[in-house]
Amino acid sequence: MMKKLSLALAMLCLLSSVGTAFAADYLGNPRSMKFHYTDCRTIKHPENFVPIDSRDEALAEGYVPCGVCKP
């Protein structure tokens, strides 16, 4: 019983953090300074990305578009 409860709690935490990252239209990688659509296939760890609300905002902050998803 305790195992199921802790598993459910872990899944809830994971889903809440992923949901927060995908609330924006774009995700920016602060290391590479590239921004992506939220469903870009190159995003492996969305928790390492910052949410960006618009393309104009991304460009103003110095991000460049991803060459794969081409946002």
C-alpha atoms as a PDB file:
ATOM      1  CA  MET A   1       0.000   0.000   0.000  1.00  0.00           C
ATOM      2  CA  MET A   2       2.755   2.447   0.926  1.00  0.00           C
ATOM      3  CA  LYS A   3       4.623   1.627  -2.286  1.00  0.00           C
ATOM      4  CA  LYS A   4       1.595   2.541  -4.422  1.00  0.00           C
ATOM      5  CA  LEU A   5       1.100   5.757  -2.503  1.00  0.00           C
ATOM      6  CA  SER A   6       4.697   6.873  -2.937  1.00  0.00           C
ATOM      7  CA  LEU A   7       4.600   5.968  -6.634  1.00  0.00           C
ATOM      8  CA  ALA A   8       1.411   7.992  -7.106  1.00  0.00           C
ATOM      9  CA  LEU A   9       2.979  10.946  -5.289  1.00  0.00           C
ATOM     10  CA  ALA A  10       6.116  10.760  -7.449  1.00  0.00           C
ATOM     11  CA  MET A  11       4.028  10.704 -10.635  1.00  0.00           C
ATOM     12  CA  LEU A  12       2.007  13.686  -9.436  1.00  0.00           C
ATOM     13  CA  CYS A  13       5.184  15.686  -8.806  1.00  0.00           C
ATOM     14  CA  LEU A  14       6.579  14.745 -12.214  1.00  0.00           C
ATOM     15  CA  LEU A  15       3.392  15.681 -14.051  1.00  0.00           C
ATOM     16  CA  SER A  16       3.073  19.001 -12.255  1.00  0.00           C
ATOM     17  CA  SER A  17       6.636  20.007 -13.164  1.00  0.00           C
ATOM     18  CA  VAL A  18       6.189  18.993 -16.811  1.00  0.00           C
ATOM     19  CA  GLY A  19       2.875  20.842 -16.996  1.00  0.00           C
ATOM     20  CA  THR A  20       4.534  24.028 -15.789  1.00  0.00           C
ATOM     21  CA  ALA A  21       7.251  23.807 -18.419  1.00  0.00           C
ATOM     22  CA  PHE A  22       4.735  23.323 -21.208  1.00  0.00           C
ATOM     23  CA  ALA A  23       2.490  26.244 -20.195  1.00  0.00           C
ATOM     24  CA  ALA A  24       4.504  28.524 -22.515  1.00  0.00           C
ATOM     25  CA  ASP A  25       4.519  28.427 -26.307  1.00  0.00           C
ATOM     26  CA  TYR A  26       8.290  27.946 -26.541  1.00  0.00           C
ATOM     27  CA  LEU A  27      11.112  26.528 -24.444  1.00  0.00           C
ATOM     28  CA  GLY A  28      14.538  28.137 -24.362  1.00  0.00           C
ATOM     29  CA  ASN A  29      17.799  26.383 -23.616  1.00  0.00           C
ATOM     30  CA  PRO A  30      19.914  28.810 -21.575  1.00  0.00           C
ATOM     31  CA  ARG A  31      23.105  26.882 -22.341  1.00  0.00           C
ATOM     32  CA  SER A  32      22.819  26.818 -26.135  1.00  0.00           C
ATOM     33  CA  MET A  33      20.643  29.961 -26.359  1.00  0.00           C
ATOM     34  CA  LYS A  34      18.301  28.183 -28.787  1.00  0.00           C
ATOM     35  CA  PHE A  35      14.527  28.158 -28.471  1.00  0.00           C
ATOM     36  CA  HIS A  36      12.165  25.393 -29.507  1.00  0.00           C
ATOM     37  CA  TYR A  37       8.507  24.560 -29.872  1.00  0.00           C
ATOM     38  CA  THR A  38       7.419  22.713 -26.742  1.00  0.00           C
ATOM     39  CA  ASP A  39       7.010  19.464 -28.692  1.00  0.00           C
ATOM     40  CA  CYS A  40      10.414  19.583 -30.434  1.00  0.00           C
ATOM     41  CA  ARG A  41      11.955  16.119 -30.670  1.00  0.00           C
ATOM     42  CA  THR A  42      15.351  17.421 -29.543  1.00  0.00           C
ATOM     43  CA  ILE A  43      14.081  18.294 -26.040  1.00  0.00           C
ATOM     44  CA  LYS A  44      15.057  15.423 -23.772  1.00  0.00           C
ATOM     45  CA  HIS A  45      14.950  17.144 -20.358  1.00  0.00           C
ATOM     46  CA  PRO A  46      12.351  19.942 -20.381  1.00  0.00           C
ATOM     47  CA  GLU A  47      13.120  20.721 -16.741  1.00  0.00           C
ATOM     48  CA  ASN A  48      16.420  22.268 -17.927  1.00  0.00           C
ATOM     49  CA  PHE A  49      14.637  24.727 -20.238  1.00  0.00           C
ATOM     50  CA  VAL A  50      13.035  28.073 -19.490  1.00  0.00           C
ATOM     51  CA  PRO A  51       9.502  28.873 -20.643  1.00  0.00           C
ATOM     52  CA  ILE A  52       9.164  31.631 -23.246  1.00  0.00           C
ATOM     53  CA  ASP A  53       5.791  33.116 -24.127  1.00  0.00           C
ATOM     54  CA  SER A  54       6.455  34.433 -27.639  1.00  0.00           C
ATOM     55  CA  ARG A  55       8.869  34.283 -30.536  1.00  0.00           C
ATOM     56  CA  ASP A  56       9.531  38.019 -30.199  1.00  0.00           C
ATOM     57  CA  GLU A  57      10.406  37.569 -26.533  1.00  0.00           C
ATOM     58  CA  ALA A  58      12.849  34.763 -27.381  1.00  0.00           C
ATOM     59  CA  LEU A  59      14.587  36.837 -30.041  1.00  0.00           C
ATOM     60  CA  ALA A  60      14.724  39.898 -27.771  1.00  0.00           C
ATOM     61  CA  GLU A  61      16.430  37.798 -25.079  1.00  0.00           C
ATOM     62  CA  GLY A  62      19.099  36.662 -27.548  1.00  0.00           C
ATOM     63  CA  TYR A  63      17.807  33.171 -28.358  1.00  0.00           C
ATOM     64  CA  VAL A  64      18.064  31.768 -31.896  1.00  0.00           C
ATOM     65  CA  PRO A  65      15.528  29.351 -33.448  1.00  0.00           C
ATOM     66  CA  CYS A  66      16.159  25.598 -33.327  1.00  0.00           C
ATOM     67  CA  GLY A  67      17.267  24.174 -36.658  1.00  0.00           C
ATOM     68  CA  VAL A  68      15.058  21.080 -36.224  1.00  0.00           C
ATOM     69  CA  CYS A  69      11.608  22.408 -35.277  1.00  0.00           C
ATOM     70  CA  LYS A  70      12.193  25.873 -36.818  1.00  0.00           C
ATOM     71  CA  PRO A  71       9.952  27.950 -34.498  1.00  0.00           C
END
